[in-house]
Amino acid sequence: MSEGPSRAAHEEFGLPALEAMASGVPVVSSNRASLPEVAGDAAVMVDPEDAGSIAEAMHVLIADRDRWNGYAARGIARPAGFTWERTAKETVKAYRAAAGD
């Protein structure tokens, strides 16, 4: 039996996007789930169900060296904001808020 779209496996956080950014390449990313928050202004955001928008974003980056360099530079800096220490602090904060502290 085939799994429907709601059960399909998918990335929950955006680690592959951050890894790509850290390696210095511009990223074209989905504008869904957590990816806009993870990528910020360091990725070109596209509708993942629109092949034309994905192709256009890739073409623009390849054709425009200034945009390529701009996204690559912002991408290199972006992963620094995502540390395990920050994750732990935000998790504790969320638990405290849920507990009413």
PDB file of N, CA and C in Angstrom:
ATOM      1  N   MET A   1       0.845  -1.178   0.000  1.00  0.00           N
ATOM      2  CA  MET A   1       0.000   0.000   0.000  1.00  0.00           C
ATOM      3  C   MET A   1       0.890   1.241   0.000  1.00  0.00           C
ATOM      4  N   SER A   2       0.570   2.191  -0.811  1.00  0.00           N
ATOM      5  CA  SER A   2       1.350   3.411  -0.952  1.00  0.00           C
ATOM      6  C   SER A   2       1.019   4.402   0.168  1.00  0.00           C
ATOM      7  N   GLU A   3       2.051   5.063   0.651  1.00  0.00           N
ATOM      8  CA  GLU A   3       1.832   6.106   1.662  1.00  0.00           C
ATOM      9  C   GLU A   3       1.438   7.394   0.962  1.00  0.00           C
ATOM     10  N   GLY A   4       0.502   8.090   1.532  1.00  0.00           N
ATOM     11  CA  GLY A   4       0.069   9.359   0.973  1.00  0.00           C
ATOM     12  C   GLY A   4       1.042  10.464   1.320  1.00  0.00           C
ATOM     13  N   PRO A   5       0.857  11.644   0.739  1.00  0.00           N
ATOM     14  CA  PRO A   5       1.757  12.770   0.991  1.00  0.00           C
ATOM     15  C   PRO A   5       1.883  13.133   2.463  1.00  0.00           C
ATOM     16  N   SER A   6       0.815  12.959   3.234  1.00  0.00           N
ATOM     17  CA  SER A   6       0.871  13.341   4.641  1.00  0.00           C
ATOM     18  C   SER A   6       1.765  12.404   5.450  1.00  0.00           C
ATOM     19  N   ARG A   7       2.061  11.223   4.926  1.00  0.00           N
ATOM     20  CA  ARG A   7       2.899  10.263   5.630  1.00  0.00           C
ATOM     21  C   ARG A   7       4.295  10.160   5.037  1.00  0.00           C
ATOM     22  N   ALA A   8       4.562  10.894   4.002  1.00  0.00           N
ATOM     23  CA  ALA A   8       5.868  10.828   3.349  1.00  0.00           C
ATOM     24  C   ALA A   8       6.951  11.329   4.291  1.00  0.00           C
ATOM     25  N   ALA A   9       8.098  10.705   4.217  1.00  0.00           N
ATOM     26  CA  ALA A   9       9.233  11.140   5.041  1.00  0.00           C
ATOM     27  C   ALA A   9       9.694  12.510   4.553  1.00  0.00           C
ATOM     28  N   HIS A  10      10.060  13.359   5.492  1.00  0.00           N
ATOM     29  CA  HIS A  10      10.553  14.676   5.133  1.00  0.00           C
ATOM     30  C   HIS A  10      11.462  15.211   6.228  1.00  0.00           C
ATOM     31  N   GLU A  11      12.276  16.157   5.866  1.00  0.00           N
ATOM     32  CA  GLU A  11      13.203  16.792   6.794  1.00  0.00           C
ATOM     33  C   GLU A  11      12.414  17.679   7.747  1.00  0.00           C
ATOM     34  N   GLU A  12      12.630  17.533   9.029  1.00  0.00           N
ATOM     35  CA  GLU A  12      11.884  18.300  10.030  1.00  0.00           C
ATOM     36  C   GLU A  12      12.541  19.627  10.398  1.00  0.00           C
ATOM     37  N   PHE A  13      13.853  19.731  10.296  1.00  0.00           N
ATOM     38  CA  PHE A  13      14.508  20.926  10.776  1.00  0.00           C
ATOM     39  C   PHE A  13      15.162  21.748   9.672  1.00  0.00           C
ATOM     40  N   GLY A  14      15.869  21.156   8.781  1.00  0.00           N
ATOM     41  CA  GLY A  14      16.567  21.900   7.746  1.00  0.00           C
ATOM     42  C   GLY A  14      18.069  21.733   7.807  1.00  0.00           C
ATOM     43  N   LEU A  15      18.527  20.679   8.470  1.00  0.00           N
ATOM     44  CA  LEU A  15      19.959  20.439   8.584  1.00  0.00           C
ATOM     45  C   LEU A  15      20.654  20.344   7.226  1.00  0.00           C
ATOM     46  N   PRO A  16      20.079  19.673   6.224  1.00  0.00           N
ATOM     47  CA  PRO A  16      20.759  19.638   4.926  1.00  0.00           C
ATOM     48  C   PRO A  16      20.974  21.045   4.337  1.00  0.00           C
ATOM     49  N   ALA A  17      20.007  21.928   4.513  1.00  0.00           N
ATOM     50  CA  ALA A  17      20.176  23.299   4.012  1.00  0.00           C
ATOM     51  C   ALA A  17      21.311  24.004   4.743  1.00  0.00           C
ATOM     52  N   LEU A  18      21.364  23.863   6.072  1.00  0.00           N
ATOM     53  CA  LEU A  18      22.455  24.490   6.832  1.00  0.00           C
ATOM     54  C   LEU A  18      23.812  23.905   6.454  1.00  0.00           C
ATOM     55  N   GLU A  19      23.864  22.597   6.226  1.00  0.00           N
ATOM     56  CA  GLU A  19      25.122  21.968   5.823  1.00  0.00           C
ATOM     57  C   GLU A  19      25.580  22.498   4.470  1.00  0.00           C
ATOM     58  N   ALA A  20      24.658  22.658   3.549  1.00  0.00           N
ATOM     59  CA  ALA A  20      25.002  23.207   2.238  1.00  0.00           C
ATOM     60  C   ALA A  20      25.497  24.640   2.371  1.00  0.00           C
ATOM     61  N   MET A  21      24.809  25.436   3.188  1.00  0.00           N
ATOM     62  CA  MET A  21      25.233  26.820   3.404  1.00  0.00           C
ATOM     63  C   MET A  21      26.636  26.877   3.988  1.00  0.00           C
ATOM     64  N   ALA A  22      26.895  26.032   4.978  1.00  0.00           N
ATOM     65  CA  ALA A  22      28.201  26.023   5.634  1.00  0.00           C
ATOM     66  C   ALA A  22      29.316  25.665   4.666  1.00  0.00           C
ATOM     67  N   SER A  23      28.976  24.956   3.604  1.00  0.00           N
ATOM     68  CA  SER A  23      30.003  24.576   2.633  1.00  0.00           C
ATOM     69  C   SER A  23      30.258  25.669   1.600  1.00  0.00           C
ATOM     70  N   GLY A  24      29.485  26.754   1.669  1.00  0.00           N
ATOM     71  CA  GLY A  24      29.749  27.901   0.803  1.00  0.00           C
ATOM     72  C   GLY A  24      29.025  27.905  -0.525  1.00  0.00           C
ATOM     73  N   VAL A  25      27.997  27.086  -0.658  1.00  0.00           N
ATOM     74  CA  VAL A  25      27.230  27.108  -1.899  1.00  0.00           C
ATOM     75  C   VAL A  25      25.872  27.762  -1.651  1.00  0.00           C
ATOM     76  N   PRO A  26      25.378  28.526  -2.624  1.00  0.00           N
ATOM     77  CA  PRO A  26      24.046  29.105  -2.464  1.00  0.00           C
ATOM     78  C   PRO A  26      23.007  27.998  -2.398  1.00  0.00           C
ATOM     79  N   VAL A  27      21.930  28.241  -1.675  1.00  0.00           N
ATOM     80  CA  VAL A  27      20.898  27.229  -1.479  1.00  0.00           C
ATOM     81  C   VAL A  27      19.575  27.713  -2.058  1.00  0.00           C
ATOM     82  N   VAL A  28      18.930  26.817  -2.787  1.00  0.00           N
ATOM     83  CA  VAL A  28      17.548  27.007  -3.214  1.00  0.00           C
ATOM     84  C   VAL A  28      16.747  26.074  -2.325  1.00  0.00           C
ATOM     85  N   SER A  29      15.809  26.638  -1.563  1.00  0.00           N
ATOM     86  CA  SER A  29      15.120  25.872  -0.540  1.00  0.00           C
ATOM     87  C   SER A  29      13.608  25.984  -0.650  1.00  0.00           C
ATOM     88  N   SER A  30      12.940  24.996  -0.121  1.00  0.00           N
ATOM     89  CA  SER A  30      11.486  25.008  -0.023  1.00  0.00           C
ATOM     90  C   SER A  30      11.034  26.138   0.905  1.00  0.00           C
ATOM     91  N   ASN A  31       9.909  26.729   0.567  1.00  0.00           N
ATOM     92  CA  ASN A  31       9.342  27.775   1.416  1.00  0.00           C
ATOM     93  C   ASN A  31       8.319  27.195   2.389  1.00  0.00           C
ATOM     94  N   ARG A  32       8.465  25.923   2.719  1.00  0.00           N
ATOM     95  CA  ARG A  32       7.523  25.236   3.601  1.00  0.00           C
ATOM     96  C   ARG A  32       8.202  24.762   4.881  1.00  0.00           C
ATOM     97  N   ALA A  33       7.375  24.346   5.824  1.00  0.00           N
ATOM     98  CA  ALA A  33       7.811  23.778   7.111  1.00  0.00           C
ATOM     99  C   ALA A  33       8.746  24.761   7.823  1.00  0.00           C
ATOM    100  N   SER A  34       9.821  24.267   8.370  1.00  0.00           N
ATOM    101  CA  SER A  34      10.741  25.102   9.147  1.00  0.00           C
ATOM    102  C   SER A  34      11.793  25.775   8.271  1.00  0.00           C
ATOM    103  N   LEU A  35      11.840  25.449   7.002  1.00  0.00           N
ATOM    104  CA  LEU A  35      12.936  25.924   6.159  1.00  0.00           C
ATOM    105  C   LEU A  35      13.022  27.446   6.026  1.00  0.00           C
ATOM    106  N   PRO A  36      11.928  28.183   5.897  1.00  0.00           N
ATOM    107  CA  PRO A  36      12.080  29.641   5.845  1.00  0.00           C
ATOM    108  C   PRO A  36      12.739  30.209   7.110  1.00  0.00           C
ATOM    109  N   GLU A  37      12.388  29.678   8.270  1.00  0.00           N
ATOM    110  CA  GLU A  37      12.991  30.143   9.517  1.00  0.00           C
ATOM    111  C   GLU A  37      14.469  29.747   9.605  1.00  0.00           C
ATOM    112  N   VAL A  38      14.764  28.540   9.185  1.00  0.00           N
ATOM    113  CA  VAL A  38      16.142  28.049   9.230  1.00  0.00           C
ATOM    114  C   VAL A  38      17.018  28.814   8.244  1.00  0.00           C
ATOM    115  N   ALA A  39      16.547  28.993   7.033  1.00  0.00           N
ATOM    116  CA  ALA A  39      17.364  29.608   5.987  1.00  0.00           C
ATOM    117  C   ALA A  39      17.422  31.126   6.079  1.00  0.00           C
ATOM    118  N   GLY A  40      16.356  31.740   6.565  1.00  0.00           N
ATOM    119  CA  GLY A  40      16.327  33.201   6.629  1.00  0.00           C
ATOM    120  C   GLY A  40      16.529  33.813   5.254  1.00  0.00           C
ATOM    121  N   ASP A  41      17.376  34.844   5.194  1.00  0.00           N
ATOM    122  CA  ASP A  41      17.642  35.501   3.913  1.00  0.00           C
ATOM    123  C   ASP A  41      18.859  34.905   3.212  1.00  0.00           C
ATOM    124  N   ALA A  42      19.313  33.752   3.694  1.00  0.00           N
ATOM    125  CA  ALA A  42      20.511  33.133   3.140  1.00  0.00           C
ATOM    126  C   ALA A  42      20.211  32.081   2.075  1.00  0.00           C
ATOM    127  N   ALA A  43      18.948  31.951   1.674  1.00  0.00           N
ATOM    128  CA  ALA A  43      18.578  30.995   0.629  1.00  0.00           C
ATOM    129  C   ALA A  43      17.488  31.592  -0.247  1.00  0.00           C
ATOM    130  N   VAL A  44      17.438  31.143  -1.462  1.00  0.00           N
ATOM    131  CA  VAL A  44      16.351  31.507  -2.358  1.00  0.00           C
ATOM    132  C   VAL A  44      15.203  30.553  -2.044  1.00  0.00           C
ATOM    133  N   MET A  45      14.079  31.099  -1.632  1.00  0.00           N
ATOM    134  CA  MET A  45      12.937  30.289  -1.228  1.00  0.00           C
ATOM    135  C   MET A  45      11.998  30.084  -2.421  1.00  0.00           C
ATOM    136  N   VAL A  46      11.560  28.826  -2.616  1.00  0.00           N
ATOM    137  CA  VAL A  46      10.683  28.502  -3.733  1.00  0.00           C
ATOM    138  C   VAL A  46       9.574  27.559  -3.276  1.00  0.00           C
ATOM    139  N   ASP A  47       8.525  27.506  -4.078  1.00  0.00           N
ATOM    140  CA  ASP A  47       7.448  26.543  -3.866  1.00  0.00           C
ATOM    141  C   ASP A  47       7.984  25.184  -4.303  1.00  0.00           C
ATOM    142  N   PRO A  48       8.074  24.212  -3.401  1.00  0.00           N
ATOM    143  CA  PRO A  48       8.663  22.918  -3.757  1.00  0.00           C
ATOM    144  C   PRO A  48       7.821  22.104  -4.748  1.00  0.00           C
ATOM    145  N   GLU A  49       6.596  22.532  -4.976  1.00  0.00           N
ATOM    146  CA  GLU A  49       5.739  21.822  -5.918  1.00  0.00           C
ATOM    147  C   GLU A  49       5.691  22.501  -7.280  1.00  0.00           C
ATOM    148  N   ASP A  50       6.486  23.545  -7.465  1.00  0.00           N
ATOM    149  CA  ASP A  50       6.505  24.299  -8.719  1.00  0.00           C
ATOM    150  C   ASP A  50       7.883  24.153  -9.366  1.00  0.00           C
ATOM    151  N   ALA A  51       7.997  23.189 -10.257  1.00  0.00           N
ATOM    152  CA  ALA A  51       9.281  22.920 -10.907  1.00  0.00           C
ATOM    153  C   ALA A  51       9.816  24.150 -11.631  1.00  0.00           C
ATOM    154  N   GLY A  52       8.931  24.953 -12.186  1.00  0.00           N
ATOM    155  CA  GLY A  52       9.363  26.161 -12.886  1.00  0.00           C
ATOM    156  C   GLY A  52      10.052  27.152 -11.961  1.00  0.00           C
ATOM    157  N   SER A  53       9.514  27.328 -10.742  1.00  0.00           N
ATOM    158  CA  SER A  53      10.136  28.269  -9.804  1.00  0.00           C
ATOM    159  C   SER A  53      11.483  27.739  -9.313  1.00  0.00           C
ATOM    160  N   ILE A  54      11.594  26.429  -9.167  1.00  0.00           N
ATOM    161  CA  ILE A  54      12.874  25.833  -8.765  1.00  0.00           C
ATOM    162  C   ILE A  54      13.902  26.054  -9.872  1.00  0.00           C
ATOM    163  N   ALA A  55      13.522  25.761 -11.102  1.00  0.00           N
ATOM    164  CA  ALA A  55      14.439  25.940 -12.233  1.00  0.00           C
ATOM    165  C   ALA A  55      14.847  27.401 -12.389  1.00  0.00           C
ATOM    166  N   GLU A  56      13.887  28.307 -12.237  1.00  0.00           N
ATOM    167  CA  GLU A  56      14.183  29.743 -12.371  1.00  0.00           C
ATOM    168  C   GLU A  56      15.164  30.202 -11.290  1.00  0.00           C
ATOM    169  N   ALA A  57      14.953  29.768 -10.061  1.00  0.00           N
ATOM    170  CA  ALA A  57      15.852  30.151  -8.970  1.00  0.00           C
ATOM    171  C   ALA A  57      17.269  29.643  -9.240  1.00  0.00           C
ATOM    172  N   MET A  58      17.377  28.422  -9.703  1.00  0.00           N
ATOM    173  CA  MET A  58      18.699  27.873 -10.023  1.00  0.00           C
ATOM    174  C   MET A  58      19.341  28.640 -11.171  1.00  0.00           C
ATOM    175  N   HIS A  59      18.549  28.959 -12.188  1.00  0.00           N
ATOM    176  CA  HIS A  59      19.075  29.698 -13.336  1.00  0.00           C
ATOM    177  C   HIS A  59      19.578  31.080 -12.926  1.00  0.00           C
ATOM    178  N   VAL A  60      18.784  31.771 -12.106  1.00  0.00           N
ATOM    179  CA  VAL A  60      19.179  33.117 -11.670  1.00  0.00           C
ATOM    180  C   VAL A  60      20.503  33.072 -10.917  1.00  0.00           C
ATOM    181  N   LEU A  61      20.663  32.105 -10.019  1.00  0.00           N
ATOM    182  CA  LEU A  61      21.916  32.004  -9.268  1.00  0.00           C
ATOM    183  C   LEU A  61      23.105  31.702 -10.179  1.00  0.00           C
ATOM    184  N   ILE A  62      22.905  30.822 -11.132  1.00  0.00           N
ATOM    185  CA  ILE A  62      23.991  30.451 -12.036  1.00  0.00           C
ATOM    186  C   ILE A  62      24.356  31.613 -12.956  1.00  0.00           C
ATOM    187  N   ALA A  63      23.348  32.362 -13.402  1.00  0.00           N
ATOM    188  CA  ALA A  63      23.565  33.440 -14.366  1.00  0.00           C
ATOM    189  C   ALA A  63      24.068  34.731 -13.731  1.00  0.00           C
ATOM    190  N   ASP A  64      23.813  34.930 -12.460  1.00  0.00           N
ATOM    191  CA  ASP A  64      24.154  36.197 -11.799  1.00  0.00           C
ATOM    192  C   ASP A  64      25.184  35.943 -10.702  1.00  0.00           C
ATOM    193  N   ARG A  65      26.437  36.169 -11.013  1.00  0.00           N
ATOM    194  CA  ARG A  65      27.529  35.888 -10.081  1.00  0.00           C
ATOM    195  C   ARG A  65      27.409  36.703  -8.798  1.00  0.00           C
ATOM    196  N   ASP A  66      26.905  37.933  -8.874  1.00  0.00           N
ATOM    197  CA  ASP A  66      26.734  38.744  -7.664  1.00  0.00           C
ATOM    198  C   ASP A  66      25.707  38.105  -6.718  1.00  0.00           C
ATOM    199  N   ARG A  67      24.610  37.625  -7.261  1.00  0.00           N
ATOM    200  CA  ARG A  67      23.624  36.941  -6.416  1.00  0.00           C
ATOM    201  C   ARG A  67      24.212  35.654  -5.836  1.00  0.00           C
ATOM    202  N   TRP A  68      24.908  34.895  -6.682  1.00  0.00           N
ATOM    203  CA  TRP A  68      25.566  33.666  -6.218  1.00  0.00           C
ATOM    204  C   TRP A  68      26.445  33.982  -5.016  1.00  0.00           C
ATOM    205  N   ASN A  69      27.308  34.974  -5.170  1.00  0.00           N
ATOM    206  CA  ASN A  69      28.245  35.335  -4.096  1.00  0.00           C
ATOM    207  C   ASN A  69      27.516  35.853  -2.855  1.00  0.00           C
ATOM    208  N   GLY A  70      26.453  36.629  -3.048  1.00  0.00           N
ATOM    209  CA  GLY A  70      25.697  37.160  -1.919  1.00  0.00           C
ATOM    210  C   GLY A  70      25.038  36.057  -1.101  1.00  0.00           C
ATOM    211  N   TYR A  71      24.377  35.132  -1.785  1.00  0.00           N
ATOM    212  CA  TYR A  71      23.745  34.017  -1.067  1.00  0.00           C
ATOM    213  C   TYR A  71      24.790  33.102  -0.434  1.00  0.00           C
ATOM    214  N   ALA A  72      25.896  32.898  -1.117  1.00  0.00           N
ATOM    215  CA  ALA A  72      26.960  32.055  -0.551  1.00  0.00           C
ATOM    216  C   ALA A  72      27.521  32.688   0.724  1.00  0.00           C
ATOM    217  N   ALA A  73      27.750  34.002   0.709  1.00  0.00           N
ATOM    218  CA  ALA A  73      28.299  34.691   1.888  1.00  0.00           C
ATOM    219  C   ALA A  73      27.316  34.664   3.057  1.00  0.00           C
ATOM    220  N   ARG A  74      26.043  34.967   2.787  1.00  0.00           N
ATOM    221  CA  ARG A  74      25.054  34.918   3.864  1.00  0.00           C
ATOM    222  C   ARG A  74      24.885  33.491   4.381  1.00  0.00           C
ATOM    223  N   GLY A  75      24.990  32.533   3.477  1.00  0.00           N
ATOM    224  CA  GLY A  75      24.853  31.140   3.868  1.00  0.00           C
ATOM    225  C   GLY A  75      25.962  30.665   4.784  1.00  0.00           C
ATOM    226  N   ILE A  76      27.179  31.101   4.537  1.00  0.00           N
ATOM    227  CA  ILE A  76      28.306  30.696   5.386  1.00  0.00           C
ATOM    228  C   ILE A  76      28.087  31.173   6.817  1.00  0.00           C
ATOM    229  N   ALA A  77      27.521  32.357   6.982  1.00  0.00           N
ATOM    230  CA  ALA A  77      27.305  32.917   8.320  1.00  0.00           C
ATOM    231  C   ALA A  77      26.078  32.326   9.015  1.00  0.00           C
ATOM    232  N   ARG A  78      25.098  31.878   8.282  1.00  0.00           N
ATOM    233  CA  ARG A  78      23.809  31.457   8.862  1.00  0.00           C
ATOM    234  C   ARG A  78      23.901  30.307   9.864  1.00  0.00           C
ATOM    235  N   PRO A  79      24.638  29.234   9.602  1.00  0.00           N
ATOM    236  CA  PRO A  79      24.659  28.108  10.547  1.00  0.00           C
ATOM    237  C   PRO A  79      25.199  28.455  11.935  1.00  0.00           C
ATOM    238  N   ALA A  80      25.964  29.524  12.050  1.00  0.00           N
ATOM    239  CA  ALA A  80      26.525  29.896  13.352  1.00  0.00           C
ATOM    240  C   ALA A  80      25.446  30.186  14.388  1.00  0.00           C
ATOM    241  N   GLY A  81      24.260  30.564  13.940  1.00  0.00           N
ATOM    242  CA  GLY A  81      23.169  30.844  14.862  1.00  0.00           C
ATOM    243  C   GLY A  81      22.467  29.613  15.400  1.00  0.00           C
ATOM    244  N   PHE A  82      22.830  28.458  14.897  1.00  0.00           N
ATOM    245  CA  PHE A  82      22.189  27.210  15.304  1.00  0.00           C
ATOM    246  C   PHE A  82      23.201  26.331  16.024  1.00  0.00           C
ATOM    247  N   THR A  83      23.250  26.468  17.340  1.00  0.00           N
ATOM    248  CA  THR A  83      24.187  25.686  18.145  1.00  0.00           C
ATOM    249  C   THR A  83      23.404  24.756  19.064  1.00  0.00           C
ATOM    250  N   TRP A  84      24.088  23.734  19.579  1.00  0.00           N
ATOM    251  CA  TRP A  84      23.430  22.840  20.532  1.00  0.00           C
ATOM    252  C   TRP A  84      23.097  23.575  21.823  1.00  0.00           C
ATOM    253  N   GLU A  85      23.942  24.539  22.208  1.00  0.00           N
ATOM    254  CA  GLU A  85      23.657  25.316  23.421  1.00  0.00           C
ATOM    255  C   GLU A  85      22.360  26.109  23.247  1.00  0.00           C
ATOM    256  N   ARG A  86      22.218  26.758  22.112  1.00  0.00           N
ATOM    257  CA  ARG A  86      20.989  27.514  21.852  1.00  0.00           C
ATOM    258  C   ARG A  86      19.784  26.574  21.816  1.00  0.00           C
ATOM    259  N   THR A  87      19.950  25.414  21.196  1.00  0.00           N
ATOM    260  CA  THR A  87      18.865  24.438  21.140  1.00  0.00           C
ATOM    261  C   THR A  87      18.425  24.031  22.540  1.00  0.00           C
ATOM    262  N   ALA A  88      19.384  23.756  23.416  1.00  0.00           N
ATOM    263  CA  ALA A  88      19.067  23.355  24.790  1.00  0.00           C
ATOM    264  C   ALA A  88      18.334  24.471  25.527  1.00  0.00           C
ATOM    265  N   LYS A  89      18.817  25.697  25.387  1.00  0.00           N
ATOM    266  CA  LYS A  89      18.176  26.835  26.059  1.00  0.00           C
ATOM    267  C   LYS A  89      16.749  27.045  25.563  1.00  0.00           C
ATOM    268  N   GLU A  90      16.550  26.962  24.254  1.00  0.00           N
ATOM    269  CA  GLU A  90      15.215  27.152  23.692  1.00  0.00           C
ATOM    270  C   GLU A  90      14.275  26.019  24.106  1.00  0.00           C
ATOM    271  N   THR A  91      14.811  24.813  24.228  1.00  0.00           N
ATOM    272  CA  THR A  91      13.993  23.675  24.656  1.00  0.00           C
ATOM    273  C   THR A  91      13.546  23.855  26.102  1.00  0.00           C
ATOM    274  N   VAL A  92      14.469  24.248  26.962  1.00  0.00           N
ATOM    275  CA  VAL A  92      14.115  24.496  28.365  1.00  0.00           C
ATOM    276  C   VAL A  92      13.074  25.612  28.449  1.00  0.00           C
ATOM    277  N   LYS A  93      13.259  26.646  27.684  1.00  0.00           N
ATOM    278  CA  LYS A  93      12.308  27.764  27.660  1.00  0.00           C
ATOM    279  C   LYS A  93      10.915  27.288  27.245  1.00  0.00           C
ATOM    280  N   ALA A  94      10.854  26.426  26.218  1.00  0.00           N
ATOM    281  CA  ALA A  94       9.567  25.906  25.763  1.00  0.00           C
ATOM    282  C   ALA A  94       8.920  25.015  26.816  1.00  0.00           C
ATOM    283  N   TYR A  95       9.720  24.179  27.469  1.00  0.00           N
ATOM    284  CA  TYR A  95       9.165  23.328  28.529  1.00  0.00           C
ATOM    285  C   TYR A  95       8.631  24.170  29.678  1.00  0.00           C
ATOM    286  N   ARG A  96       9.355  25.206  30.056  1.00  0.00           N
ATOM    287  CA  ARG A  96       8.913  26.074  31.148  1.00  0.00           C
ATOM    288  C   ARG A  96       7.618  26.793  30.780  1.00  0.00           C
ATOM    289  N   ALA A  97       7.544  27.235  29.557  1.00  0.00           N
ATOM    290  CA  ALA A  97       6.324  27.915  29.113  1.00  0.00           C
ATOM    291  C   ALA A  97       5.146  26.946  29.116  1.00  0.00           C
ATOM    292  N   ALA A  98       5.370  25.722  28.687  1.00  0.00           N
ATOM    293  CA  ALA A  98       4.311  24.720  28.685  1.00  0.00           C
ATOM    294  C   ALA A  98       3.860  24.351  30.079  1.00  0.00           C
ATOM    295  N   ALA A  99       4.824  24.383  31.021  1.00  0.00           N
ATOM    296  CA  ALA A  99       4.513  24.026  32.418  1.00  0.00           C
ATOM    297  C   ALA A  99       3.911  25.211  33.189  1.00  0.00           C
ATOM    298  N   GLY A 100       3.914  26.385  32.549  1.00  0.00           N
ATOM    299  CA  GLY A 100       3.354  27.558  33.211  1.00  0.00           C
ATOM    300  C   GLY A 100       4.304  28.278  34.131  1.00  0.00           C
ATOM    301  N   ASP A 101       5.602  28.005  33.998  1.00  0.00           N
ATOM    302  CA  ASP A 101       6.618  28.694  34.836  1.00  0.00           C
ATOM    303  C   ASP A 101       6.935  30.059  34.307  1.00  0.00           C
TER     304      ASP A 101
END
